[in-house]
Amino acid sequence: MSAPSAEKRVRRWNIHLRLWKLHRWLALGFGAVLVVVSVSGGLLVMHPEIERVLERDRQVIIPPPEPAARAPIGNIVRHAATLAPAGFRPLRVEPGKAVDRTDKYVFISDDGANRRWSAYANPYTGNLVWHGPDQSLFRPWLLHLHEYLHIGKVGNVIVGLASVALTLLGITGIWITRDRVRALLRHPFRLHLGRRVAFADIHKSIGLCSLYFTFVLGATGIWFSWHTVPNVFTAKPLKPLAPAFDPATLTPIEPALAIVRSTFPDAELARIIFPWDTGIGLQIRVLHRSAPPWRKMSRIDFDPVSGDVRRIRDAAQAPAAAQFESILSPLHFGYQGSPIVKWLYVAGGFSPALLAITGTAVWLFRRRSRKSPA
């Protein structure tokens, strides 16, 4: 193969310099935001383990001897509704993932402002071990930090732009290091050449190992943020909820759960959703943990009063558009997969923060070397 001409080499070098400058300014402009979003995202993937430590008095109970009957869910909902603030209605139940974990009952405000109130209940006795504002809990607080930095609608836009920057950083990073991958594999950490070169090698190695997460987290982050942009720039009135539903008329949940288990015997119970919005009855969702990302979540809708089955939606038979939408959450958060996938997502979630830190270190060492005498 003949060597490229001088004109072609100059053109490639000019493209390299432009992309390198774009890479640098994107990193400097969004580095701090990427650190916050990256760290919060990595912690969100492992939130059950963190909550078990930070909120042990709310999350963990002493399980009764096996086998133990569970208290009726409807009774717990009605009891929690008497303690919820005025203007709040039942939203969902998040079942505990182990025999020693509590169930979480979430209520939503009637004014459409998406305010939440929660209660943790012992699933065997039905006693509430804690109740209060949902935002005071670790996971909701961390999720809001991850989504909009706790600064409202402007935060949604900033996080969306940071997702775009993360994707562009991955593209420009591939171009910048395209000719140096083999040398990097032969000599991954050249500590003898100084701190700047060592940090640069670490930065490139992390970037190569985390390319999947760079593009997947960036692309899905853009998707989630894009769907909030119309609500940010338009003064739409708050969406009214469905007419208030009386929990006293709620059908027993346990027969519906039996139907769900017989229909999807290999699935895990994910959520029980109450009739809080238009078109939603009593909805029970299950998780297919070992299934591909586009077949993770199935559900059965019931009449909230009679308990009759309204609709069964098997994720394996869902339309292509529904499967595409369902793929986004498993790809972005990763906690719906196997334990190996989950912990890979923990590492991948922290990788943008490590790239921002090591890249900033390289930039600082480079500036210091330019100012120091030869």
Protein backbone atom coordinates (compact mmCIF):
# COMPACT_ATOMS: atom_id res chain seq x y z
CA MET A 1 0.00 0.00 0.00
CA SER A 2 1.43 3.37 -1.00
CA ALA A 3 1.99 6.06 1.58
CA PRO A 4 -0.55 8.92 1.64
CA SER A 5 0.45 12.11 -0.11
CA ALA A 6 1.68 15.15 1.80
CA GLU A 7 -1.56 17.00 1.08
CA LYS A 8 -3.61 14.12 2.50
CA ARG A 9 -1.42 13.93 5.59
CA VAL A 10 -1.83 17.67 6.19
CA ARG A 11 -5.61 17.38 5.78
CA ARG A 12 -5.74 14.50 8.27
CA TRP A 13 -3.63 16.45 10.72
CA ASN A 14 -5.92 19.48 10.49
CA ILE A 15 -8.96 17.26 11.15
CA HIS A 16 -7.09 15.71 14.07
CA LEU A 17 -6.37 19.13 15.59
CA ARG A 18 -9.96 20.31 15.20
CA LEU A 19 -11.39 17.17 16.77
CA TRP A 20 -8.82 17.31 19.56
CA LYS A 21 -9.84 20.89 20.36
CA LEU A 22 -13.52 19.91 20.29
CA HIS A 23 -12.74 16.99 22.59
CA ARG A 24 -10.90 19.24 25.01
CA TRP A 25 -13.52 21.98 25.14
CA LEU A 26 -16.39 19.54 25.52
CA ALA A 27 -14.56 17.94 28.43
CA LEU A 28 -13.76 21.26 30.08
CA GLY A 29 -17.28 22.58 29.52
CA PHE A 30 -19.21 19.55 30.76
CA GLY A 31 -16.63 17.74 32.89
CA ALA A 32 -18.13 18.78 36.24
CA VAL A 33 -21.66 17.84 35.13
CA LEU A 34 -20.45 14.48 33.80
CA VAL A 35 -18.78 13.73 37.12
CA VAL A 36 -22.01 14.39 39.03
CA VAL A 37 -24.20 12.45 36.58
CA SER A 38 -21.69 9.60 36.35
CA VAL A 39 -21.23 9.13 40.08
CA SER A 40 -24.96 9.41 40.78
CA GLY A 41 -25.70 6.93 37.98
CA GLY A 42 -23.19 4.40 39.27
CA LEU A 43 -24.64 4.69 42.77
CA LEU A 44 -28.19 4.29 41.44
CA VAL A 45 -27.34 0.91 39.95
CA MET A 46 -26.26 -0.35 43.38
CA HIS A 47 -28.95 1.50 45.35
CA PRO A 48 -30.35 -1.65 47.08
CA GLU A 49 -26.98 -2.33 48.70
CA ILE A 50 -26.59 1.32 49.74
CA GLU A 51 -30.13 1.58 51.09
CA ARG A 52 -29.60 -1.54 53.15
CA VAL A 53 -26.85 0.34 55.01
CA LEU A 54 -28.13 3.94 55.07
CA GLU A 55 -31.82 3.16 55.65
CA ARG A 56 -31.60 -0.11 57.46
CA ASP A 57 -34.30 0.80 59.99
CA ARG A 58 -36.75 1.36 57.09
CA GLN A 59 -35.59 -1.28 54.64
CA VAL A 60 -34.70 -4.33 56.72
CA ILE A 61 -36.90 -6.39 59.05
CA ILE A 62 -36.52 -9.62 60.98
CA PRO A 63 -38.32 -12.19 58.82
CA PRO A 64 -40.73 -14.59 60.55
CA PRO A 65 -40.14 -18.35 60.46
CA GLU A 66 -40.91 -19.96 57.12
CA PRO A 67 -43.51 -20.35 55.76
CA ALA A 68 -45.14 -17.05 56.74
CA ALA A 69 -48.37 -15.58 55.41
CA ARG A 70 -48.26 -12.03 54.12
CA ALA A 71 -50.71 -9.36 55.17
CA PRO A 72 -53.27 -8.35 52.51
CA ILE A 73 -51.85 -5.58 50.35
CA GLY A 74 -55.22 -3.85 50.10
CA ASN A 75 -55.41 -3.50 53.89
CA ILE A 76 -51.94 -1.92 54.00
CA VAL A 77 -52.86 0.51 51.20
CA ARG A 78 -56.00 1.62 53.01
CA HIS A 79 -54.12 2.03 56.28
CA ALA A 80 -51.34 4.06 54.63
CA ALA A 81 -53.95 6.22 52.88
CA THR A 82 -55.26 7.37 56.28
CA LEU A 83 -51.77 8.65 57.15
CA ALA A 84 -50.92 10.22 53.79
CA PRO A 85 -51.23 14.02 53.46
CA ALA A 86 -54.48 15.42 52.10
CA GLY A 87 -54.64 15.39 48.33
CA PHE A 88 -52.45 12.29 47.85
CA ARG A 89 -53.62 9.02 46.27
CA PRO A 90 -52.03 5.54 45.99
CA LEU A 91 -49.57 5.27 43.10
CA ARG A 92 -47.73 1.95 43.38
CA VAL A 93 -46.23 -0.76 45.55
CA GLU A 94 -42.56 -1.71 45.19
CA PRO A 95 -42.19 -5.20 46.69
CA GLY A 96 -39.10 -6.01 48.71
CA LYS A 97 -36.52 -8.14 46.88
CA ALA A 98 -35.81 -10.45 49.81
CA VAL A 99 -37.65 -12.03 52.74
CA ASP A 100 -36.05 -9.54 55.15
CA ARG A 101 -37.00 -6.42 53.16
CA THR A 102 -39.98 -4.11 53.56
CA ASP A 103 -42.45 -3.18 50.82
CA LYS A 104 -42.59 0.44 49.70
CA TYR A 105 -45.98 2.13 49.17
CA VAL A 106 -45.81 5.31 47.10
CA PHE A 107 -48.54 7.99 46.94
CA ILE A 108 -48.77 10.85 44.42
CA SER A 109 -50.32 14.30 44.76
CA ASP A 110 -53.63 15.04 43.03
CA ASP A 111 -52.47 18.41 41.70
CA GLY A 112 -50.34 16.83 38.95
CA ALA A 113 -47.11 18.32 40.33
CA ASN A 114 -45.64 14.81 40.74
CA ARG A 115 -45.03 15.22 44.48
CA ARG A 116 -44.58 11.87 46.25
CA TRP A 117 -45.21 10.53 49.76
CA SER A 118 -44.04 7.06 50.76
CA ALA A 119 -44.45 4.47 53.48
CA TYR A 120 -42.47 1.31 54.24
CA ALA A 121 -44.51 -1.63 55.55
CA ASN A 122 -43.67 -4.96 57.09
CA PRO A 123 -45.23 -7.34 54.53
CA TYR A 124 -46.00 -9.98 57.17
CA THR A 125 -47.60 -7.88 59.89
CA GLY A 126 -48.81 -4.95 57.79
CA ASN A 127 -47.32 -2.42 60.23
CA LEU A 128 -45.78 0.72 58.78
CA VAL A 129 -42.16 1.11 59.90
CA TRP A 130 -41.74 4.59 58.35
CA HIS A 131 -43.67 7.16 56.33
CA GLY A 132 -42.89 10.64 55.05
CA PRO A 133 -41.92 12.68 51.95
CA ASP A 134 -40.43 10.50 49.24
CA GLN A 135 -37.76 13.08 48.42
CA SER A 136 -36.23 12.64 51.88
CA LEU A 137 -35.20 9.08 50.93
CA PHE A 138 -31.83 8.23 49.41
CA ARG A 139 -32.86 6.82 46.03
CA PRO A 140 -35.38 9.54 45.03
CA TRP A 141 -32.93 12.26 46.08
CA LEU A 142 -30.13 10.62 44.07
CA LEU A 143 -32.39 10.04 41.05
CA HIS A 144 -33.39 13.71 40.96
CA LEU A 145 -29.73 14.70 41.18
CA HIS A 146 -29.01 12.39 38.25
CA GLU A 147 -31.92 13.67 36.16
CA TYR A 148 -31.87 17.43 36.71
CA LEU A 149 -29.20 18.28 39.32
CA HIS A 150 -31.86 19.52 41.77
CA ILE A 151 -32.14 22.82 39.89
CA GLY A 152 -35.44 22.25 38.10
CA LYS A 153 -36.13 22.40 34.39
CA VAL A 154 -32.82 24.03 33.53
CA GLY A 155 -31.11 20.99 35.01
CA ASN A 156 -32.92 18.73 32.52
CA VAL A 157 -31.44 20.77 29.67
CA ILE A 158 -27.93 20.72 31.18
CA VAL A 159 -28.03 16.96 31.70
CA GLY A 160 -29.29 16.49 28.14
CA LEU A 161 -26.45 18.60 26.74
CA ALA A 162 -24.00 16.64 28.90
CA SER A 163 -25.33 13.43 27.33
CA VAL A 164 -24.70 14.90 23.88
CA ALA A 165 -21.22 15.92 25.00
CA LEU A 166 -20.52 12.41 26.31
CA THR A 167 -21.45 10.89 22.95
CA LEU A 168 -19.30 13.40 21.05
CA LEU A 169 -16.41 12.81 23.45
CA GLY A 170 -16.58 9.11 22.60
CA ILE A 171 -16.56 9.81 18.85
CA THR A 172 -13.72 12.32 18.99
CA GLY A 173 -11.78 10.13 21.42
CA ILE A 174 -11.89 7.21 18.97
CA TRP A 175 -10.56 9.42 16.19
CA ILE A 176 -7.79 10.94 18.30
CA THR A 177 -6.48 7.55 19.49
CA ARG A 178 -7.17 5.56 16.31
CA ASP A 179 -3.45 5.22 15.43
CA ARG A 180 -2.25 4.58 18.98
CA VAL A 181 -4.30 1.60 20.11
CA ARG A 182 -1.60 -0.98 19.36
CA ALA A 183 1.08 1.06 21.12
CA LEU A 184 -1.26 1.53 24.08
CA LEU A 185 -1.88 -2.22 24.32
CA ARG A 186 1.88 -2.91 24.25
CA HIS A 187 2.73 -0.22 26.84
CA PRO A 188 -0.48 0.61 28.76
CA PHE A 189 1.05 2.64 31.62
CA ARG A 190 4.31 4.43 30.84
CA LEU A 191 5.07 5.68 34.32
CA HIS A 192 8.73 6.27 33.52
CA LEU A 193 7.81 9.08 31.11
CA GLY A 194 6.21 11.30 33.74
CA ARG A 195 2.83 11.94 35.28
CA ARG A 196 1.27 13.53 32.20
CA VAL A 197 2.02 10.56 29.97
CA ALA A 198 0.95 8.12 32.69
CA PHE A 199 -2.39 9.88 33.20
CA ALA A 200 -2.86 10.11 29.43
CA ASP A 201 -2.35 6.34 29.12
CA ILE A 202 -4.81 5.71 31.97
CA HIS A 203 -7.31 8.07 30.32
CA LYS A 204 -7.05 6.28 26.97
CA SER A 205 -7.27 2.82 28.55
CA ILE A 206 -10.42 3.71 30.48
CA GLY A 207 -11.89 5.26 27.34
CA LEU A 208 -11.27 2.15 25.25
CA CYS A 209 -12.61 -0.23 27.91
CA SER A 210 -15.75 1.85 28.47
CA LEU A 211 -16.71 2.65 24.88
CA TYR A 212 -19.92 0.64 25.18
CA PHE A 213 -21.05 2.62 28.20
CA THR A 214 -19.98 5.92 26.67
CA PHE A 215 -22.26 5.47 23.67
CA VAL A 216 -25.11 3.58 25.34
CA LEU A 217 -25.36 5.87 28.37
CA GLY A 218 -24.92 8.95 26.20
CA ALA A 219 -27.52 7.93 23.58
CA THR A 220 -30.14 6.78 26.10
CA GLY A 221 -29.47 9.87 28.23
CA ILE A 222 -30.18 12.04 25.17
CA TRP A 223 -33.45 10.16 24.62
CA PHE A 224 -34.65 10.59 28.20
CA SER A 225 -33.67 14.27 28.28
CA TRP A 226 -35.18 15.02 24.88
CA HIS A 227 -38.61 13.94 26.07
CA THR A 228 -38.46 16.57 28.83
CA VAL A 229 -37.45 19.47 26.56
CA PRO A 230 -40.99 20.30 25.32
CA ASN A 231 -42.16 20.60 28.91
CA VAL A 232 -39.19 22.84 29.74
CA PHE A 233 -39.70 25.47 27.04
CA THR A 234 -43.51 25.53 26.96
CA ALA A 235 -45.69 26.72 29.80
CA LYS A 236 -48.08 23.78 29.70
CA PRO A 237 -50.61 23.51 32.51
CA LEU A 238 -50.25 20.62 34.90
CA LYS A 239 -51.89 17.47 33.60
CA PRO A 240 -54.93 16.59 35.70
CA LEU A 241 -55.09 13.06 37.04
CA ALA A 242 -57.96 10.64 36.68
CA PRO A 243 -60.92 11.06 39.04
CA ALA A 244 -60.01 10.06 42.59
CA PHE A 245 -60.27 6.34 43.27
CA ASP A 246 -61.57 5.16 46.64
CA PRO A 247 -59.14 2.58 48.09
CA ALA A 248 -62.07 1.08 50.02
CA THR A 249 -63.46 -0.29 46.73
CA LEU A 250 -60.14 -1.83 45.67
CA THR A 251 -60.36 -5.50 44.75
CA PRO A 252 -58.17 -7.95 46.74
CA ILE A 253 -54.70 -7.97 45.22
CA GLU A 254 -53.73 -11.55 46.07
CA PRO A 255 -56.01 -13.29 43.48
CA ALA A 256 -54.60 -10.97 40.81
CA LEU A 257 -51.05 -11.85 41.89
CA ALA A 258 -51.92 -15.55 41.57
CA ILE A 259 -53.05 -14.97 37.97
CA VAL A 260 -49.84 -13.10 37.19
CA ARG A 261 -47.65 -15.86 38.65
CA SER A 262 -49.48 -18.54 36.68
CA THR A 263 -49.22 -16.50 33.47
CA PHE A 264 -45.52 -15.61 33.89
CA PRO A 265 -44.09 -18.33 36.18
CA ASP A 266 -40.45 -17.45 35.44
CA ALA A 267 -40.78 -13.71 36.14
CA GLU A 268 -40.20 -11.57 39.24
CA LEU A 269 -42.84 -9.30 40.69
CA ALA A 270 -41.72 -5.75 39.88
CA ARG A 271 -44.52 -3.29 40.73
CA ILE A 272 -48.19 -3.05 41.55
CA ILE A 273 -49.70 0.15 40.10
CA PHE A 274 -53.01 1.60 41.24
CA PRO A 275 -55.58 3.58 39.17
CA TRP A 276 -54.03 7.03 39.55
CA ASP A 277 -54.01 8.22 35.92
CA THR A 278 -56.39 8.11 32.98
CA GLY A 279 -56.55 4.67 31.37
CA ILE A 280 -54.78 2.87 34.24
CA GLY A 281 -56.66 0.32 36.32
CA LEU A 282 -54.91 -2.11 38.61
CA GLN A 283 -51.69 -2.98 36.81
CA ILE A 284 -49.17 -5.62 37.88
CA ARG A 285 -45.76 -5.61 36.20
CA VAL A 286 -43.23 -8.44 36.21
CA LEU A 287 -39.54 -8.52 35.28
CA HIS A 288 -37.98 -11.18 33.05
CA ARG A 289 -34.45 -10.82 34.39
CA SER A 290 -32.74 -13.28 32.03
CA ALA A 291 -34.55 -12.02 28.91
CA PRO A 292 -33.04 -9.69 26.30
CA PRO A 293 -33.37 -5.93 26.99
CA TRP A 294 -36.38 -5.56 24.67
CA ARG A 295 -38.31 -8.30 26.52
CA LYS A 296 -37.76 -7.28 30.13
CA MET A 297 -41.18 -6.13 31.36
CA SER A 298 -44.60 -7.77 30.98
CA ARG A 299 -47.83 -6.70 32.64
CA ILE A 300 -51.46 -7.61 33.24
CA ASP A 301 -54.17 -4.98 33.69
CA PHE A 302 -57.12 -5.75 36.00
CA ASP A 303 -60.36 -4.00 36.75
CA PRO A 304 -59.64 -2.27 40.12
CA VAL A 305 -63.11 -3.09 41.53
CA SER A 306 -64.11 -6.46 40.11
CA GLY A 307 -60.62 -7.89 39.62
CA ASP A 308 -61.38 -9.07 36.07
CA VAL A 309 -58.49 -9.29 33.61
CA ARG A 310 -58.59 -6.43 31.12
CA ARG A 311 -55.43 -6.97 29.14
CA ILE A 312 -52.31 -9.13 29.13
CA ARG A 313 -49.20 -7.68 27.53
CA ASP A 314 -46.41 -10.20 27.10
CA ALA A 315 -43.12 -8.42 26.42
CA ALA A 316 -42.15 -11.15 23.94
CA GLN A 317 -45.24 -10.37 21.83
CA ALA A 318 -45.25 -6.58 22.14
CA PRO A 319 -45.13 -4.40 19.00
CA ALA A 320 -41.75 -3.24 17.76
CA ALA A 321 -42.36 0.35 18.94
CA ALA A 322 -43.20 -0.83 22.46
CA GLN A 323 -40.14 -3.09 22.55
CA PHE A 324 -37.96 -0.17 21.45
CA GLU A 325 -39.24 2.02 24.28
CA SER A 326 -38.85 -0.81 26.78
CA ILE A 327 -35.21 -1.31 25.82
CA LEU A 328 -34.16 2.16 26.95
CA SER A 329 -34.44 1.74 30.71
CA PRO A 330 -32.52 -1.61 30.89
CA LEU A 331 -29.80 -0.22 28.64
CA HIS A 332 -29.43 3.00 30.63
CA PHE A 333 -29.59 1.73 34.21
CA GLY A 334 -28.53 -1.91 33.93
CA TYR A 335 -30.05 -3.13 37.22
CA GLN A 336 -32.66 -5.25 35.44
CA GLY A 337 -30.06 -7.73 34.25
CA SER A 338 -28.02 -10.47 35.89
CA PRO A 339 -25.64 -9.69 38.79
CA ILE A 340 -22.69 -9.66 36.38
CA VAL A 341 -24.42 -7.13 34.13
CA LYS A 342 -25.37 -5.04 37.13
CA TRP A 343 -21.83 -4.73 38.44
CA LEU A 344 -20.47 -4.08 34.95
CA TYR A 345 -22.90 -1.16 34.81
CA VAL A 346 -21.63 0.06 38.17
CA ALA A 347 -18.10 0.18 36.74
CA GLY A 348 -19.34 1.62 33.46
CA GLY A 349 -21.41 4.22 35.24
CA PHE A 350 -18.36 5.55 37.05
CA SER A 351 -16.19 5.56 33.89
CA PRO A 352 -17.24 9.05 32.62
CA ALA A 353 -16.24 10.50 36.00
CA LEU A 354 -12.86 8.74 35.83
CA LEU A 355 -12.37 9.98 32.27
CA ALA A 356 -13.21 13.54 33.33
CA ILE A 357 -10.77 13.39 36.26
CA THR A 358 -7.88 11.83 34.34
CA GLY A 359 -8.48 14.10 31.32
CA THR A 360 -8.43 17.17 33.55
CA ALA A 361 -5.19 15.94 35.11
CA VAL A 362 -3.60 15.57 31.66
CA TRP A 363 -4.73 19.10 30.74
CA LEU A 364 -3.33 20.59 33.96
CA PHE A 365 0.01 18.80 33.60
CA ARG A 366 0.22 19.97 30.01
CA ARG A 367 -0.38 23.60 30.98
CA ARG A 368 2.16 23.33 33.80
CA SER A 369 4.80 21.89 31.46
CA ARG A 370 4.26 24.78 29.03
CA LYS A 371 4.75 27.38 31.76
CA SER A 372 7.82 25.74 33.30
CA PRO A 373 11.27 26.63 31.84
CA ALA A 374 12.82 24.17 29.42
